[in-house]
Amino acid sequence: MIIVNPDKAKAIWKNKWREARKPILASLDIEFMKAVETGNSEKQAEIASKKQALRDVTLTEIVGNTPEEIKAVWPSVLN
């Protein structure tokens, strides 16, 4: 019988979120630098807000303790 440790499962799932956000952050870094080069402060603020939301993704609470309940939580900012 396999027993799942919910806390470890949640930590593993949040690591998957971290991996999923890496390419999104990299893309936003490029966009941010382009906005800096053109002096577009509105775009810089917009991108900075998106990047902060991605950094905060691991603060998302995972309710549930079964593997199915844990995997059902996927923050929309990662889509």
N, C-alpha and C. Protein backbone atom coordinates (compact mmCIF):
# COMPACT_ATOMS: atom_id res chain seq x y z
N MET A 1 0.84 -1.17 0.00
CA MET A 1 0.00 0.00 0.00
C MET A 1 0.89 1.25 0.00
N ILE A 2 0.54 2.20 -0.86
CA ILE A 2 1.30 3.44 -0.95
C ILE A 2 0.56 4.51 -0.15
N ILE A 3 1.30 5.14 0.75
CA ILE A 3 0.74 6.22 1.55
C ILE A 3 1.36 7.53 1.07
N VAL A 4 0.51 8.48 0.75
CA VAL A 4 0.98 9.78 0.27
C VAL A 4 1.09 10.76 1.43
N ASN A 5 2.24 11.40 1.52
CA ASN A 5 2.43 12.46 2.50
C ASN A 5 1.95 13.76 1.84
N PRO A 6 0.80 14.30 2.27
CA PRO A 6 0.24 15.48 1.60
C PRO A 6 1.18 16.69 1.58
N ASP A 7 1.91 16.91 2.65
CA ASP A 7 2.81 18.07 2.69
C ASP A 7 3.93 17.94 1.66
N LYS A 8 4.49 16.74 1.55
CA LYS A 8 5.54 16.52 0.56
C LYS A 8 4.98 16.59 -0.86
N ALA A 9 3.78 16.06 -1.04
CA ALA A 9 3.14 16.10 -2.36
C ALA A 9 2.86 17.54 -2.78
N LYS A 10 2.43 18.36 -1.85
CA LYS A 10 2.17 19.77 -2.15
C LYS A 10 3.47 20.49 -2.50
N ALA A 11 4.54 20.18 -1.79
CA ALA A 11 5.84 20.79 -2.08
C ALA A 11 6.33 20.39 -3.47
N ILE A 12 6.16 19.14 -3.82
CA ILE A 12 6.55 18.66 -5.15
C ILE A 12 5.73 19.38 -6.22
N TRP A 13 4.42 19.54 -5.97
CA TRP A 13 3.55 20.19 -6.94
C TRP A 13 3.93 21.65 -7.12
N LYS A 14 4.29 22.32 -6.02
CA LYS A 14 4.71 23.72 -6.12
C LYS A 14 6.04 23.84 -6.87
N ASN A 15 6.89 22.83 -6.77
CA ASN A 15 8.12 22.83 -7.57
C ASN A 15 7.81 22.74 -9.05
N LYS A 16 6.76 22.02 -9.40
CA LYS A 16 6.32 21.96 -10.80
C LYS A 16 5.85 23.34 -11.26
N TRP A 17 5.21 24.07 -10.37
CA TRP A 17 4.80 25.45 -10.70
C TRP A 17 6.04 26.31 -10.96
N ARG A 18 7.06 26.13 -10.13
CA ARG A 18 8.29 26.91 -10.30
C ARG A 18 8.92 26.63 -11.67
N GLU A 19 8.92 25.38 -12.05
CA GLU A 19 9.47 25.02 -13.36
C GLU A 19 8.62 25.61 -14.49
N ALA A 20 7.31 25.60 -14.32
CA ALA A 20 6.41 26.13 -15.34
C ALA A 20 6.55 27.64 -15.50
N ARG A 21 6.91 28.34 -14.44
CA ARG A 21 7.00 29.80 -14.53
C ARG A 21 8.33 30.28 -15.09
N LYS A 22 9.36 29.44 -15.07
CA LYS A 22 10.68 29.86 -15.55
C LYS A 22 10.66 30.43 -16.96
N PRO A 23 10.09 29.73 -17.94
CA PRO A 23 10.11 30.29 -19.30
C PRO A 23 9.22 31.53 -19.43
N ILE A 24 8.18 31.61 -18.62
CA ILE A 24 7.32 32.80 -18.66
C ILE A 24 8.09 34.01 -18.13
N LEU A 25 8.79 33.82 -17.02
CA LEU A 25 9.61 34.91 -16.47
C LEU A 25 10.71 35.33 -17.44
N ALA A 26 11.33 34.37 -18.09
CA ALA A 26 12.39 34.69 -19.06
C ALA A 26 11.84 35.54 -20.20
N SER A 27 10.68 35.18 -20.68
CA SER A 27 10.04 35.93 -21.76
C SER A 27 9.69 37.35 -21.29
N LEU A 28 9.18 37.46 -20.07
CA LEU A 28 8.84 38.78 -19.53
C LEU A 28 10.09 39.63 -19.30
N ASP A 29 11.21 38.99 -18.96
CA ASP A 29 12.46 39.73 -18.80
C ASP A 29 12.85 40.41 -20.12
N ILE A 30 12.68 39.70 -21.20
CA ILE A 30 12.99 40.25 -22.53
C ILE A 30 12.07 41.42 -22.84
N GLU A 31 10.78 41.23 -22.60
CA GLU A 31 9.81 42.30 -22.83
C GLU A 31 10.13 43.51 -21.97
N PHE A 32 10.52 43.27 -20.73
CA PHE A 32 10.84 44.37 -19.82
C PHE A 32 12.03 45.17 -20.33
N MET A 33 13.06 44.48 -20.77
CA MET A 33 14.25 45.17 -21.28
C MET A 33 13.91 46.00 -22.53
N LYS A 34 13.04 45.49 -23.38
CA LYS A 34 12.61 46.25 -24.55
C LYS A 34 11.87 47.51 -24.11
N ALA A 35 11.05 47.39 -23.07
CA ALA A 35 10.32 48.54 -22.56
C ALA A 35 11.28 49.56 -21.95
N VAL A 36 12.33 49.08 -21.30
CA VAL A 36 13.34 49.98 -20.73
C VAL A 36 14.04 50.73 -21.86
N GLU A 37 14.41 49.99 -22.90
CA GLU A 37 15.12 50.60 -24.03
C GLU A 37 14.29 51.68 -24.71
N THR A 38 12.98 51.50 -24.76
CA THR A 38 12.11 52.48 -25.41
C THR A 38 11.58 53.52 -24.44
N GLY A 39 11.89 53.35 -23.15
CA GLY A 39 11.44 54.31 -22.14
C GLY A 39 9.95 54.22 -21.85
N ASN A 40 9.35 53.07 -22.10
CA ASN A 40 7.91 52.88 -21.89
C ASN A 40 7.66 52.45 -20.43
N SER A 41 7.46 53.43 -19.56
CA SER A 41 7.31 53.13 -18.14
C SER A 41 5.99 52.43 -17.84
N GLU A 42 4.95 52.70 -18.63
CA GLU A 42 3.67 51.99 -18.43
C GLU A 42 3.84 50.50 -18.67
N LYS A 43 4.52 50.16 -19.74
CA LYS A 43 4.76 48.75 -20.07
C LYS A 43 5.65 48.10 -19.01
N GLN A 44 6.64 48.85 -18.52
CA GLN A 44 7.52 48.33 -17.48
C GLN A 44 6.72 47.98 -16.23
N ALA A 45 5.81 48.86 -15.83
CA ALA A 45 4.99 48.62 -14.64
C ALA A 45 4.07 47.42 -14.85
N GLU A 46 3.51 47.32 -16.04
CA GLU A 46 2.62 46.18 -16.36
C GLU A 46 3.37 44.86 -16.27
N ILE A 47 4.56 44.83 -16.84
CA ILE A 47 5.37 43.61 -16.83
C ILE A 47 5.84 43.29 -15.41
N ALA A 48 6.23 44.31 -14.67
CA ALA A 48 6.67 44.10 -13.29
C ALA A 48 5.55 43.48 -12.46
N SER A 49 4.32 43.91 -12.70
CA SER A 49 3.17 43.36 -12.00
C SER A 49 2.97 41.88 -12.34
N LYS A 50 3.11 41.56 -13.61
CA LYS A 50 2.97 40.15 -14.06
C LYS A 50 4.06 39.29 -13.43
N LYS A 51 5.29 39.81 -13.40
CA LYS A 51 6.40 39.06 -12.83
C LYS A 51 6.19 38.82 -11.34
N GLN A 52 5.66 39.83 -10.64
CA GLN A 52 5.40 39.66 -9.20
C GLN A 52 4.33 38.60 -8.97
N ALA A 53 3.30 38.60 -9.80
CA ALA A 53 2.26 37.57 -9.68
C ALA A 53 2.86 36.18 -9.87
N LEU A 54 3.80 36.05 -10.77
CA LEU A 54 4.46 34.76 -10.98
C LEU A 54 5.32 34.38 -9.77
N ARG A 55 5.99 35.36 -9.20
CA ARG A 55 6.81 35.07 -8.01
C ARG A 55 5.93 34.64 -6.84
N ASP A 56 4.74 35.22 -6.75
CA ASP A 56 3.82 34.93 -5.64
C ASP A 56 3.04 33.63 -5.84
N VAL A 57 3.22 32.97 -6.96
CA VAL A 57 2.42 31.78 -7.27
C VAL A 57 2.56 30.70 -6.20
N THR A 58 3.72 30.59 -5.60
CA THR A 58 3.90 29.53 -4.60
C THR A 58 3.21 29.84 -3.28
N LEU A 59 2.65 31.03 -3.17
CA LEU A 59 1.86 31.37 -1.98
C LEU A 59 0.43 30.86 -2.10
N THR A 60 0.08 30.37 -3.28
CA THR A 60 -1.25 29.82 -3.52
C THR A 60 -1.48 28.63 -2.61
N GLU A 61 -2.59 28.64 -1.91
CA GLU A 61 -2.90 27.55 -0.99
C GLU A 61 -3.45 26.35 -1.77
N ILE A 62 -2.98 25.20 -1.43
CA ILE A 62 -3.49 23.96 -2.01
C ILE A 62 -4.38 23.32 -0.97
N VAL A 63 -5.67 23.32 -1.26
CA VAL A 63 -6.64 22.71 -0.34
C VAL A 63 -6.85 21.27 -0.79
N GLY A 64 -6.84 20.38 0.14
CA GLY A 64 -7.03 18.96 -0.18
C GLY A 64 -5.78 18.19 0.16
N ASN A 65 -5.94 16.90 0.30
CA ASN A 65 -4.80 16.06 0.68
C ASN A 65 -4.58 14.87 -0.22
N THR A 66 -5.50 14.59 -1.12
CA THR A 66 -5.30 13.46 -2.02
C THR A 66 -4.50 13.93 -3.23
N PRO A 67 -3.82 13.03 -3.90
CA PRO A 67 -3.07 13.43 -5.10
C PRO A 67 -3.96 14.12 -6.14
N GLU A 68 -5.18 13.65 -6.28
CA GLU A 68 -6.10 14.24 -7.27
C GLU A 68 -6.45 15.68 -6.89
N GLU A 69 -6.71 15.90 -5.59
CA GLU A 69 -7.06 17.25 -5.13
C GLU A 69 -5.87 18.20 -5.28
N ILE A 70 -4.69 17.69 -5.00
CA ILE A 70 -3.49 18.52 -5.11
C ILE A 70 -3.23 18.89 -6.56
N LYS A 71 -3.30 17.91 -7.45
CA LYS A 71 -3.04 18.16 -8.87
C LYS A 71 -4.12 19.00 -9.53
N ALA A 72 -5.28 19.10 -8.90
CA ALA A 72 -6.37 19.91 -9.46
C ALA A 72 -6.09 21.41 -9.32
N VAL A 73 -5.13 21.77 -8.48
CA VAL A 73 -4.82 23.18 -8.27
C VAL A 73 -3.69 23.58 -9.20
N TRP A 74 -4.01 24.47 -10.14
CA TRP A 74 -3.00 25.00 -11.06
C TRP A 74 -3.30 26.50 -11.22
N PRO A 75 -2.46 27.36 -10.68
CA PRO A 75 -2.72 28.80 -10.74
C PRO A 75 -2.88 29.31 -12.17
N SER A 76 -3.88 30.14 -12.38
CA SER A 76 -4.18 30.63 -13.72
C SER A 76 -3.05 31.47 -14.30
N VAL A 77 -2.23 32.07 -13.46
CA VAL A 77 -1.13 32.89 -13.95
C VAL A 77 -0.10 32.04 -14.71
N LEU A 78 -0.13 30.74 -14.52
CA LEU A 78 0.80 29.85 -15.21
C LEU A 78 0.28 29.35 -16.56
N ASN A 79 -0.92 29.74 -16.90
CA ASN A 79 -1.49 29.30 -18.19
C ASN A 79 -1.01 30.17 -19.34
